[in-house]
Amino acid sequence: MASATPAQLTQWYDAHAPALVLYARQLAPPGEAEDIVHDAFVRLMAQRAAPAGAKAWLHRAVRNAAISRLRSRTRRRARERRVAAGRTELFERREEDLLDARAAEGALASLPAEQREVIVLRIWAGLTLQQTADTMGRSVPAVFRLYRASLAAIRKGMRNPCETKTP
């Protein structure tokens, strides 16, 4: 089957767009229904072959996009609330973790910005020393010294000496 022709797309838009917008308004964040419908038609234009049931395909595309936007908005709002409350979760706590997430987060937050950056690039992004140096605009030896100092500061910040009381 060939891709949809401009005449088909126009016909489908005229026939289905109003109903799709109404449907999207039921599912999507306020004010985003028209954009979602337009995006669905753009995706339809990009299809190699026109779907057998364009009406059903468009409704499914609108539904998926609306749900995706709603989830994205919900995650963004939750993240913004945590930031506004002065609390950003960098780590998610899992039972199998050997690391205390709050202690690690606190140790990372206590580092100067440049040390935090090198840790994030090396550990979370998984960049090599050379890639980290290129990203930061520093030499490899300078990044290595900064990385080593950052790790030492984190170790010191996370060290929890075991206190035993003797009777």
N, C-alpha and C. Protein backbone atom coordinates (compact mmCIF):
# COMPACT_ATOMS: atom_id res chain seq x y z
N MET A 1 0.85 -1.18 0.00
CA MET A 1 0.00 0.00 0.00
C MET A 1 0.89 1.24 0.00
N ALA A 2 0.52 2.24 -0.73
CA ALA A 2 1.30 3.48 -0.85
C ALA A 2 0.96 4.43 0.29
N SER A 3 1.82 5.43 0.44
CA SER A 3 1.56 6.42 1.49
C SER A 3 0.33 7.25 1.11
N ALA A 4 -0.21 7.93 2.09
CA ALA A 4 -1.42 8.72 1.87
C ALA A 4 -1.12 9.89 0.94
N THR A 5 -2.02 10.18 0.08
CA THR A 5 -1.86 11.31 -0.84
C THR A 5 -2.30 12.59 -0.12
N PRO A 6 -1.88 13.74 -0.62
CA PRO A 6 -2.34 14.98 -0.01
C PRO A 6 -3.87 15.10 -0.01
N ALA A 7 -4.51 14.61 -1.05
CA ALA A 7 -5.98 14.68 -1.11
C ALA A 7 -6.59 13.81 -0.01
N GLN A 8 -6.03 12.61 0.21
CA GLN A 8 -6.53 11.74 1.28
C GLN A 8 -6.35 12.41 2.64
N LEU A 9 -5.16 12.97 2.87
CA LEU A 9 -4.89 13.62 4.15
C LEU A 9 -5.87 14.76 4.40
N THR A 10 -6.13 15.55 3.37
CA THR A 10 -7.08 16.66 3.49
C THR A 10 -8.47 16.14 3.81
N GLN A 11 -8.86 15.09 3.11
CA GLN A 11 -10.18 14.49 3.34
C GLN A 11 -10.28 13.96 4.77
N TRP A 12 -9.26 13.23 5.22
CA TRP A 12 -9.27 12.69 6.58
C TRP A 12 -9.27 13.80 7.62
N TYR A 13 -8.49 14.85 7.36
CA TYR A 13 -8.45 15.97 8.32
C TYR A 13 -9.83 16.61 8.43
N ASP A 14 -10.42 16.92 7.29
CA ASP A 14 -11.75 17.54 7.31
C ASP A 14 -12.78 16.66 7.98
N ALA A 15 -12.69 15.35 7.75
CA ALA A 15 -13.69 14.43 8.29
C ALA A 15 -13.48 14.12 9.77
N HIS A 16 -12.23 14.04 10.23
CA HIS A 16 -11.96 13.51 11.56
C HIS A 16 -11.39 14.50 12.58
N ALA A 17 -10.81 15.59 12.14
CA ALA A 17 -10.13 16.50 13.07
C ALA A 17 -11.03 17.02 14.18
N PRO A 18 -12.25 17.48 13.90
CA PRO A 18 -13.08 17.98 15.01
C PRO A 18 -13.34 16.92 16.09
N ALA A 19 -13.64 15.70 15.67
CA ALA A 19 -13.89 14.63 16.64
C ALA A 19 -12.61 14.27 17.39
N LEU A 20 -11.48 14.31 16.68
CA LEU A 20 -10.20 13.99 17.33
C LEU A 20 -9.84 15.04 18.38
N VAL A 21 -10.10 16.30 18.08
CA VAL A 21 -9.83 17.37 19.05
C VAL A 21 -10.70 17.18 20.28
N LEU A 22 -11.97 16.87 20.07
CA LEU A 22 -12.87 16.63 21.20
C LEU A 22 -12.37 15.45 22.04
N TYR A 23 -11.94 14.39 21.37
CA TYR A 23 -11.41 13.21 22.06
C TYR A 23 -10.14 13.56 22.83
N ALA A 24 -9.24 14.31 22.20
CA ALA A 24 -7.98 14.69 22.84
C ALA A 24 -8.23 15.56 24.07
N ARG A 25 -9.26 16.39 24.02
CA ARG A 25 -9.57 17.26 25.16
C ARG A 25 -9.97 16.46 26.39
N GLN A 26 -10.49 15.26 26.18
CA GLN A 26 -10.89 14.41 27.29
C GLN A 26 -9.68 13.77 27.97
N LEU A 27 -8.59 13.64 27.22
CA LEU A 27 -7.43 12.91 27.71
C LEU A 27 -6.22 13.77 28.01
N ALA A 28 -6.08 14.85 27.29
CA ALA A 28 -4.84 15.62 27.31
C ALA A 28 -4.86 16.74 28.32
N PRO A 29 -3.67 17.24 28.66
CA PRO A 29 -3.61 18.44 29.49
C PRO A 29 -4.33 19.60 28.79
N PRO A 30 -4.91 20.52 29.53
CA PRO A 30 -5.64 21.63 28.94
C PRO A 30 -4.81 22.41 27.92
N GLY A 31 -5.44 22.75 26.81
CA GLY A 31 -4.79 23.56 25.80
C GLY A 31 -3.88 22.82 24.85
N GLU A 32 -3.77 21.51 24.95
CA GLU A 32 -2.84 20.77 24.10
C GLU A 32 -3.53 19.89 23.08
N ALA A 33 -4.86 19.87 23.07
CA ALA A 33 -5.60 18.96 22.20
C ALA A 33 -5.30 19.20 20.71
N GLU A 34 -5.34 20.45 20.29
CA GLU A 34 -5.12 20.75 18.88
C GLU A 34 -3.71 20.35 18.44
N ASP A 35 -2.73 20.62 19.28
CA ASP A 35 -1.35 20.24 18.95
C ASP A 35 -1.22 18.73 18.80
N ILE A 36 -1.87 18.01 19.68
CA ILE A 36 -1.80 16.54 19.64
C ILE A 36 -2.41 16.03 18.34
N VAL A 37 -3.54 16.58 17.95
CA VAL A 37 -4.19 16.16 16.70
C VAL A 37 -3.31 16.49 15.51
N HIS A 38 -2.74 17.68 15.50
CA HIS A 38 -1.86 18.05 14.38
C HIS A 38 -0.65 17.13 14.31
N ASP A 39 -0.08 16.82 15.47
CA ASP A 39 1.06 15.90 15.50
C ASP A 39 0.67 14.52 14.97
N ALA A 40 -0.55 14.08 15.27
CA ALA A 40 -1.01 12.78 14.77
C ALA A 40 -1.08 12.80 13.24
N PHE A 41 -1.55 13.89 12.67
CA PHE A 41 -1.61 13.98 11.22
C PHE A 41 -0.21 14.06 10.60
N VAL A 42 0.71 14.71 11.28
CA VAL A 42 2.09 14.74 10.80
C VAL A 42 2.68 13.33 10.80
N ARG A 43 2.42 12.57 11.87
CA ARG A 43 2.89 11.18 11.91
C ARG A 43 2.22 10.35 10.83
N LEU A 44 0.96 10.62 10.55
CA LEU A 44 0.26 9.91 9.49
C LEU A 44 0.90 10.20 8.14
N MET A 45 1.28 11.45 7.92
CA MET A 45 1.94 11.81 6.66
C MET A 45 3.27 11.09 6.52
N ALA A 46 3.94 10.82 7.62
CA ALA A 46 5.26 10.20 7.58
C ALA A 46 5.19 8.68 7.39
N GLN A 47 4.01 8.10 7.49
CA GLN A 47 3.87 6.66 7.34
C GLN A 47 4.21 6.25 5.91
N ARG A 48 4.93 5.15 5.78
CA ARG A 48 5.26 4.64 4.44
C ARG A 48 4.02 4.17 3.70
N ALA A 49 3.11 3.58 4.45
CA ALA A 49 1.87 3.10 3.86
C ALA A 49 0.71 3.66 4.65
N ALA A 50 -0.30 4.09 3.93
CA ALA A 50 -1.50 4.62 4.59
C ALA A 50 -2.16 3.48 5.37
N PRO A 51 -2.58 3.74 6.59
CA PRO A 51 -3.22 2.67 7.36
C PRO A 51 -4.56 2.27 6.73
N ALA A 52 -4.91 1.02 6.92
CA ALA A 52 -6.17 0.52 6.36
C ALA A 52 -7.35 1.25 6.97
N GLY A 53 -7.30 1.50 8.24
CA GLY A 53 -8.37 2.22 8.92
C GLY A 53 -7.83 3.52 9.48
N ALA A 54 -7.80 4.55 8.67
CA ALA A 54 -7.21 5.83 9.08
C ALA A 54 -7.89 6.41 10.31
N LYS A 55 -9.21 6.30 10.38
CA LYS A 55 -9.94 6.86 11.52
C LYS A 55 -9.49 6.21 12.83
N ALA A 56 -9.43 4.89 12.86
CA ALA A 56 -9.00 4.18 14.07
C ALA A 56 -7.54 4.48 14.37
N TRP A 57 -6.71 4.52 13.33
CA TRP A 57 -5.28 4.80 13.51
C TRP A 57 -5.10 6.17 14.15
N LEU A 58 -5.83 7.16 13.64
CA LEU A 58 -5.71 8.52 14.17
C LEU A 58 -6.18 8.60 15.63
N HIS A 59 -7.26 7.93 15.95
CA HIS A 59 -7.73 7.94 17.33
C HIS A 59 -6.72 7.28 18.27
N ARG A 60 -6.12 6.19 17.82
CA ARG A 60 -5.11 5.52 18.65
C ARG A 60 -3.89 6.42 18.81
N ALA A 61 -3.47 7.09 17.73
CA ALA A 61 -2.31 7.99 17.80
C ALA A 61 -2.59 9.16 18.74
N VAL A 62 -3.79 9.71 18.67
CA VAL A 62 -4.16 10.82 19.55
C VAL A 62 -4.19 10.35 21.00
N ARG A 63 -4.76 9.18 21.24
CA ARG A 63 -4.83 8.64 22.60
C ARG A 63 -3.43 8.45 23.17
N ASN A 64 -2.55 7.81 22.42
CA ASN A 64 -1.19 7.55 22.90
C ASN A 64 -0.44 8.85 23.18
N ALA A 65 -0.58 9.82 22.28
CA ALA A 65 0.12 11.10 22.46
C ALA A 65 -0.43 11.86 23.67
N ALA A 66 -1.74 11.84 23.85
CA ALA A 66 -2.35 12.54 24.98
C ALA A 66 -1.89 11.93 26.30
N ILE A 67 -1.89 10.62 26.38
CA ILE A 67 -1.44 9.95 27.60
C ILE A 67 0.02 10.25 27.86
N SER A 68 0.82 10.23 26.82
CA SER A 68 2.24 10.52 26.95
C SER A 68 2.47 11.94 27.47
N ARG A 69 1.75 12.89 26.92
CA ARG A 69 1.90 14.28 27.38
C ARG A 69 1.43 14.45 28.82
N LEU A 70 0.35 13.78 29.17
CA LEU A 70 -0.16 13.88 30.53
C LEU A 70 0.84 13.31 31.52
N ARG A 71 1.43 12.16 31.19
CA ARG A 71 2.45 11.57 32.06
C ARG A 71 3.66 12.48 32.18
N SER A 72 4.08 13.04 31.06
CA SER A 72 5.23 13.93 31.06
C SER A 72 4.96 15.15 31.94
N ARG A 73 3.78 15.71 31.81
CA ARG A 73 3.42 16.88 32.60
C ARG A 73 3.37 16.53 34.09
N THR A 74 2.84 15.36 34.42
CA THR A 74 2.77 14.92 35.82
C THR A 74 4.16 14.77 36.40
N ARG A 75 5.07 14.14 35.64
CA ARG A 75 6.45 13.98 36.12
C ARG A 75 7.13 15.33 36.29
N ARG A 76 6.92 16.22 35.33
CA ARG A 76 7.55 17.55 35.40
C ARG A 76 7.04 18.32 36.62
N ARG A 77 5.74 18.27 36.89
CA ARG A 77 5.19 18.98 38.05
C ARG A 77 5.73 18.42 39.35
N ALA A 78 5.83 17.10 39.43
CA ALA A 78 6.38 16.48 40.65
C ALA A 78 7.82 16.91 40.85
N ARG A 79 8.59 16.93 39.76
CA ARG A 79 9.98 17.37 39.84
C ARG A 79 10.06 18.83 40.27
N GLU A 80 9.20 19.68 39.71
CA GLU A 80 9.19 21.09 40.07
C GLU A 80 8.81 21.30 41.53
N ARG A 81 7.86 20.48 42.05
CA ARG A 81 7.49 20.59 43.47
C ARG A 81 8.67 20.23 44.36
N ARG A 82 9.41 19.17 43.98
CA ARG A 82 10.57 18.78 44.79
C ARG A 82 11.62 19.88 44.79
N VAL A 83 11.83 20.49 43.63
CA VAL A 83 12.82 21.57 43.53
C VAL A 83 12.35 22.77 44.34
N ALA A 84 11.06 23.11 44.22
CA ALA A 84 10.53 24.25 44.97
C ALA A 84 10.61 24.02 46.47
N ALA A 85 10.49 22.78 46.88
CA ALA A 85 10.58 22.46 48.30
C ALA A 85 12.03 22.35 48.76
N GLY A 86 12.94 22.57 47.81
CA GLY A 86 14.35 22.50 48.16
C GLY A 86 14.87 21.09 48.24
N ARG A 87 14.13 20.16 47.67
CA ARG A 87 14.53 18.75 47.75
C ARG A 87 14.45 18.14 46.37
N THR A 88 15.60 17.81 45.82
CA THR A 88 15.63 17.09 44.56
C THR A 88 16.20 15.72 44.82
N GLU A 89 15.51 14.72 44.39
CA GLU A 89 15.97 13.35 44.57
C GLU A 89 16.89 12.98 43.43
N LEU A 90 18.15 12.79 43.74
CA LEU A 90 19.09 12.37 42.72
C LEU A 90 19.15 10.86 42.63
N PHE A 91 18.83 10.19 43.70
CA PHE A 91 18.90 8.74 43.77
C PHE A 91 17.54 8.20 44.15
N GLU A 92 17.20 7.07 43.59
CA GLU A 92 16.02 6.36 44.03
C GLU A 92 16.47 5.23 44.93
N ARG A 93 15.88 5.12 46.08
CA ARG A 93 16.26 4.10 47.06
C ARG A 93 15.68 2.76 46.65
N ARG A 94 16.51 1.74 46.61
CA ARG A 94 16.07 0.37 46.35
C ARG A 94 16.62 -0.50 47.46
N GLU A 95 15.92 -1.56 47.76
CA GLU A 95 16.31 -2.44 48.85
C GLU A 95 17.68 -3.07 48.63
N GLU A 96 18.01 -3.40 47.39
CA GLU A 96 19.27 -4.08 47.13
C GLU A 96 20.49 -3.16 47.12
N ASP A 97 20.26 -1.86 47.24
CA ASP A 97 21.37 -0.91 47.23
C ASP A 97 22.26 -1.08 48.46
N LEU A 98 23.53 -1.02 48.22
CA LEU A 98 24.50 -1.07 49.32
C LEU A 98 24.86 0.34 49.77
N LEU A 99 24.36 1.31 49.07
CA LEU A 99 24.69 2.71 49.31
C LEU A 99 23.48 3.41 49.91
N ASP A 100 23.71 4.21 50.91
CA ASP A 100 22.63 5.02 51.48
C ASP A 100 22.40 6.19 50.54
N ALA A 101 21.26 6.18 49.87
CA ALA A 101 20.99 7.18 48.84
C ALA A 101 21.01 8.60 49.40
N ARG A 102 20.45 8.80 50.57
CA ARG A 102 20.43 10.16 51.14
C ARG A 102 21.82 10.64 51.50
N ALA A 103 22.65 9.73 52.02
CA ALA A 103 24.02 10.11 52.36
C ALA A 103 24.81 10.44 51.09
N ALA A 104 24.61 9.63 50.05
CA ALA A 104 25.30 9.88 48.78
C ALA A 104 24.85 11.20 48.17
N GLU A 105 23.55 11.45 48.23
CA GLU A 105 23.01 12.69 47.70
C GLU A 105 23.55 13.89 48.47
N GLY A 106 23.61 13.76 49.79
CA GLY A 106 24.14 14.84 50.62
C GLY A 106 25.61 15.09 50.35
N ALA A 107 26.37 14.01 50.19
CA ALA A 107 27.80 14.14 49.90
C ALA A 107 28.01 14.81 48.55
N LEU A 108 27.21 14.44 47.58
CA LEU A 108 27.33 15.04 46.25
C LEU A 108 26.93 16.52 46.30
N ALA A 109 25.86 16.82 47.00
CA ALA A 109 25.39 18.21 47.10
C ALA A 109 26.39 19.10 47.82
N SER A 110 27.20 18.51 48.70
CA SER A 110 28.15 19.32 49.46
C SER A 110 29.39 19.68 48.65
N LEU A 111 29.57 19.05 47.52
CA LEU A 111 30.74 19.33 46.68
C LEU A 111 30.59 20.66 45.96
N PRO A 112 31.71 21.32 45.68
CA PRO A 112 31.66 22.50 44.82
C PRO A 112 31.16 22.09 43.43
N ALA A 113 30.61 23.04 42.70
CA ALA A 113 29.98 22.77 41.40
C ALA A 113 30.90 22.01 40.44
N GLU A 114 32.15 22.39 40.37
CA GLU A 114 33.08 21.75 39.43
C GLU A 114 33.33 20.28 39.81
N GLN A 115 33.41 20.00 41.10
CA GLN A 115 33.60 18.62 41.55
C GLN A 115 32.34 17.79 41.29
N ARG A 116 31.17 18.39 41.51
CA ARG A 116 29.91 17.68 41.20
C ARG A 116 29.86 17.36 39.73
N GLU A 117 30.25 18.32 38.91
CA GLU A 117 30.20 18.12 37.46
C GLU A 117 31.07 16.96 37.03
N VAL A 118 32.29 16.87 37.54
CA VAL A 118 33.19 15.80 37.13
C VAL A 118 32.65 14.44 37.59
N ILE A 119 32.06 14.38 38.76
CA ILE A 119 31.48 13.12 39.25
C ILE A 119 30.30 12.70 38.37
N VAL A 120 29.43 13.63 38.06
CA VAL A 120 28.27 13.31 37.23
C VAL A 120 28.71 12.85 35.84
N LEU A 121 29.68 13.54 35.26
CA LEU A 121 30.15 13.15 33.93
C LEU A 121 30.83 11.79 33.93
N ARG A 122 31.65 11.54 34.94
CA ARG A 122 32.39 10.27 34.98
C ARG A 122 31.50 9.10 35.39
N ILE A 123 30.69 9.27 36.43
CA ILE A 123 29.93 8.14 36.97
C ILE A 123 28.58 7.98 36.30
N TRP A 124 27.76 9.04 36.26
CA TRP A 124 26.42 8.89 35.69
C TRP A 124 26.46 8.84 34.17
N ALA A 125 27.21 9.73 33.56
CA ALA A 125 27.26 9.74 32.09
C ALA A 125 28.20 8.66 31.55
N GLY A 126 29.12 8.19 32.39
CA GLY A 126 30.04 7.14 31.96
C GLY A 126 31.08 7.61 30.97
N LEU A 127 31.42 8.90 31.01
CA LEU A 127 32.43 9.42 30.09
C LEU A 127 33.83 9.03 30.56
N THR A 128 34.73 8.91 29.61
CA THR A 128 36.13 8.65 29.95
C THR A 128 36.73 9.95 30.48
N LEU A 129 37.95 9.83 31.01
CA LEU A 129 38.63 11.05 31.47
C LEU A 129 38.82 12.03 30.32
N GLN A 130 39.20 11.50 29.15
CA GLN A 130 39.40 12.37 27.99
C GLN A 130 38.10 13.06 27.60
N GLN A 131 37.00 12.33 27.55
CA GLN A 131 35.71 12.92 27.19
C GLN A 131 35.27 13.94 28.24
N THR A 132 35.51 13.62 29.50
CA THR A 132 35.17 14.56 30.57
C THR A 132 36.00 15.83 30.44
N ALA A 133 37.29 15.67 30.17
CA ALA A 133 38.17 16.83 30.00
C ALA A 133 37.70 17.69 28.82
N ASP A 134 37.36 17.04 27.72
CA ASP A 134 36.87 17.77 26.55
C ASP A 134 35.59 18.53 26.87
N THR A 135 34.68 17.87 27.58
CA THR A 135 33.41 18.49 27.93
C THR A 135 33.61 19.69 28.84
N MET A 136 34.53 19.56 29.80
CA MET A 136 34.75 20.63 30.77
C MET A 136 35.75 21.67 30.29
N GLY A 137 36.41 21.40 29.16
CA GLY A 137 37.41 22.35 28.66
C GLY A 137 38.65 22.39 29.52
N ARG A 138 39.02 21.25 30.09
CA ARG A 138 40.19 21.14 30.97
C ARG A 138 41.12 20.07 30.43
N SER A 139 42.32 20.01 30.98
CA SER A 139 43.25 18.96 30.57
C SER A 139 42.90 17.67 31.31
N VAL A 140 43.34 16.54 30.76
CA VAL A 140 43.08 15.25 31.40
C VAL A 140 43.71 15.19 32.79
N PRO A 141 44.97 15.62 32.98
CA PRO A 141 45.53 15.57 34.34
C PRO A 141 44.74 16.44 35.33
N ALA A 142 44.26 17.59 34.88
CA ALA A 142 43.49 18.47 35.77
C ALA A 142 42.16 17.81 36.14
N VAL A 143 41.52 17.17 35.17
CA VAL A 143 40.26 16.47 35.44
C VAL A 143 40.50 15.29 36.36
N PHE A 144 41.61 14.58 36.16
CA PHE A 144 41.92 13.43 37.02
C PHE A 144 42.11 13.89 38.46
N ARG A 145 42.86 14.98 38.66
CA ARG A 145 43.06 15.50 40.02
C ARG A 145 41.72 15.93 40.64
N LEU A 146 40.90 16.58 39.85
CA LEU A 146 39.59 17.02 40.32
C LEU A 146 38.71 15.81 40.66
N TYR A 147 38.75 14.79 39.84
CA TYR A 147 37.97 13.58 40.06
C TYR A 147 38.43 12.87 41.34
N ARG A 148 39.73 12.75 41.49
CA ARG A 148 40.29 12.10 42.68
C ARG A 148 39.92 12.87 43.94
N ALA A 149 40.02 14.19 43.89
CA ALA A 149 39.64 15.02 45.04
C ALA A 149 38.14 14.91 45.33
N SER A 150 37.35 14.83 44.29
CA SER A 150 35.90 14.69 44.46
C SER A 150 35.55 13.38 45.14
N LEU A 151 36.17 12.30 44.70
CA LEU A 151 35.92 10.99 45.31
C LEU A 151 36.35 10.98 46.77
N ALA A 152 37.49 11.60 47.05
CA ALA A 152 37.97 11.66 48.43
C ALA A 152 36.98 12.43 49.31
N ALA A 153 36.45 13.53 48.77
CA ALA A 153 35.48 14.33 49.54
C ALA A 153 34.19 13.56 49.76
N ILE A 154 33.77 12.81 48.77
CA ILE A 154 32.56 12.00 48.92
C ILE A 154 32.78 10.90 49.96
N ARG A 155 33.94 10.24 49.87
CA ARG A 155 34.24 9.19 50.85
C ARG A 155 34.22 9.77 52.27
N LYS A 156 34.84 10.92 52.41
CA LYS A 156 34.90 11.56 53.72
C LYS A 156 33.49 11.93 54.19
N GLY A 157 32.69 12.44 53.28
CA GLY A 157 31.33 12.85 53.63
C GLY A 157 30.42 11.69 53.94
N MET A 158 30.71 10.54 53.38
CA MET A 158 29.85 9.37 53.61
C MET A 158 30.38 8.46 54.70
N ARG A 159 31.57 8.72 55.17
CA ARG A 159 32.14 7.87 56.21
C ARG A 159 31.29 7.98 57.46
N ASN A 160 30.83 6.89 57.91
CA ASN A 160 30.00 6.82 59.10
C ASN A 160 30.69 5.90 60.08
N PRO A 161 31.60 6.42 60.88
CA PRO A 161 32.33 5.53 61.78
C PRO A 161 31.37 4.85 62.74
N CYS A 162 31.65 3.61 62.95
CA CYS A 162 30.83 2.81 63.84
C CYS A 162 31.19 3.18 65.28
N GLU A 163 30.21 3.65 65.98
CA GLU A 163 30.47 4.02 67.36
C GLU A 163 29.99 2.88 68.26
N THR A 164 30.90 2.34 69.01
CA THR A 164 30.51 1.30 69.97
C THR A 164 30.75 1.83 71.36
N LYS A 165 29.82 1.59 72.19
CA LYS A 165 29.95 2.05 73.58
C LYS A 165 30.35 0.86 74.43
N THR A 166 31.38 1.07 75.16
CA THR A 166 31.81 0.01 76.08
C THR A 166 31.31 0.36 77.47
N PRO A 167 30.83 -0.62 78.20
CA PRO A 167 30.31 -0.33 79.54
C PRO A 167 31.38 0.03 80.51
